[in-house]
């Protein structure tokens, strides 16, 4: 399970990196807004996961709420693809 969660954290980091590289070329404001939300979520999730062992060993507790995955991001990606026809063919 730890390997799967490590892999998830790495994937979030990779997605956030790709978003950062693409943002200067973004066509829609919705994508920019939702991409920034996703980047913030990915950073919060990664930080939370990376500190879990240290918190456990120190006897600490997690905050009551987990970071919330921005659900509109997938819709914003589809709108961005529709606004940039050259993306749909790659």
Protein backbone atom coordinates (compact mmCIF):
# COMPACT_ATOMS: atom_id res chain seq x y z
CA UNK A 1 0.00 0.00 0.00
CA UNK A 2 2.87 2.38 0.77
CA UNK A 3 4.29 1.85 -2.72
CA UNK A 4 0.91 2.62 -4.29
CA UNK A 5 0.55 5.79 -2.25
CA UNK A 6 4.14 6.81 -3.06
CA UNK A 7 3.35 6.25 -6.73
CA UNK A 8 0.21 8.37 -6.42
CA UNK A 9 2.19 11.20 -4.83
CA UNK A 10 4.76 10.99 -7.64
CA UNK A 11 2.01 11.04 -10.28
CA UNK A 12 0.43 14.13 -8.70
CA UNK A 13 3.83 15.81 -8.77
CA UNK A 14 4.30 14.88 -12.45
CA UNK A 15 0.84 16.21 -13.34
CA UNK A 16 1.48 19.44 -11.44
CA UNK A 17 4.80 19.85 -13.29
CA UNK A 18 3.11 19.37 -16.66
CA UNK A 19 0.39 21.84 -15.70
CA UNK A 20 3.01 24.44 -14.76
CA UNK A 21 4.73 23.98 -18.11
CA UNK A 22 1.44 24.27 -20.04
CA UNK A 23 -0.18 27.19 -18.16
CA UNK A 24 1.48 29.99 -20.23
CA UNK A 25 -0.25 28.48 -23.29
CA UNK A 26 -3.67 27.94 -21.71
CA UNK A 27 -6.65 29.04 -23.76
CA UNK A 28 -9.43 29.09 -21.15
CA UNK A 29 -9.68 30.85 -17.82
CA UNK A 30 -11.55 27.83 -16.41
CA UNK A 31 -8.52 25.63 -17.07
CA UNK A 32 -6.15 28.12 -15.45
CA UNK A 33 -8.34 28.35 -12.35
CA UNK A 34 -8.87 24.60 -12.00
CA UNK A 35 -5.24 23.80 -12.83
CA UNK A 36 -4.08 26.05 -10.01
CA UNK A 37 -6.54 24.34 -7.66
CA UNK A 38 -5.18 20.94 -8.72
CA UNK A 39 -1.60 22.08 -8.17
CA UNK A 40 -2.51 23.25 -4.66
CA UNK A 41 -4.28 19.95 -3.98
CA UNK A 42 -1.31 17.93 -5.25
CA UNK A 43 1.11 19.88 -3.04
CA UNK A 44 -1.11 19.51 0.03
CA UNK A 45 -1.63 15.80 -0.60
CA UNK A 46 2.09 15.19 -1.17
CA UNK A 47 3.05 17.11 1.98
CA UNK A 48 0.47 15.25 4.01
CA UNK A 49 1.60 11.85 2.73
CA UNK A 50 5.31 12.61 3.11
CA UNK A 51 4.86 13.64 6.72
CA UNK A 52 2.59 10.75 7.76
CA UNK A 53 5.35 8.57 9.19
CA UNK A 54 6.89 11.44 11.13
CA UNK A 55 3.51 12.42 12.56
CA UNK A 56 2.79 8.84 13.58
CA UNK A 57 6.18 8.42 15.26
CA UNK A 58 5.75 11.71 17.11
CA UNK A 59 2.28 10.71 18.31
CA UNK A 60 0.59 13.46 16.32
CA UNK A 61 -2.76 13.50 14.59
CA UNK A 62 -3.86 14.55 11.14
CA UNK A 63 -6.21 17.46 10.65
CA UNK A 64 -9.85 16.38 10.60
CA UNK A 65 -10.27 17.08 6.88
CA UNK A 66 -8.16 15.80 4.01
CA UNK A 67 -7.29 17.94 0.99
CA UNK A 68 -10.25 17.94 -1.40
CA UNK A 69 -9.63 16.79 -4.96
CA UNK A 70 -10.92 19.47 -7.37
CA UNK A 71 -13.60 17.53 -9.27
CA UNK A 72 -14.13 20.18 -11.97
CA UNK A 73 -10.54 19.79 -13.21
CA UNK A 74 -11.45 17.04 -15.69
CA UNK A 75 -14.19 19.22 -17.17
CA UNK A 76 -11.77 22.14 -17.44
CA UNK A 77 -9.27 19.92 -19.27
CA UNK A 78 -11.96 18.89 -21.78
CA UNK A 79 -12.91 22.56 -22.33
CA UNK A 80 -9.23 23.41 -22.85
CA UNK A 81 -8.86 20.66 -25.44
CA UNK A 82 -11.96 21.92 -27.24
CA UNK A 83 -10.56 25.48 -27.25
CA UNK A 84 -7.22 24.33 -28.68
CA UNK A 85 -7.94 21.97 -31.61
CA UNK A 86 -4.22 21.21 -32.06
CA UNK A 87 -4.29 19.47 -28.63
CA UNK A 88 -7.03 17.08 -29.67
CA UNK A 89 -4.85 15.52 -32.37
CA UNK A 90 -1.81 14.85 -30.16
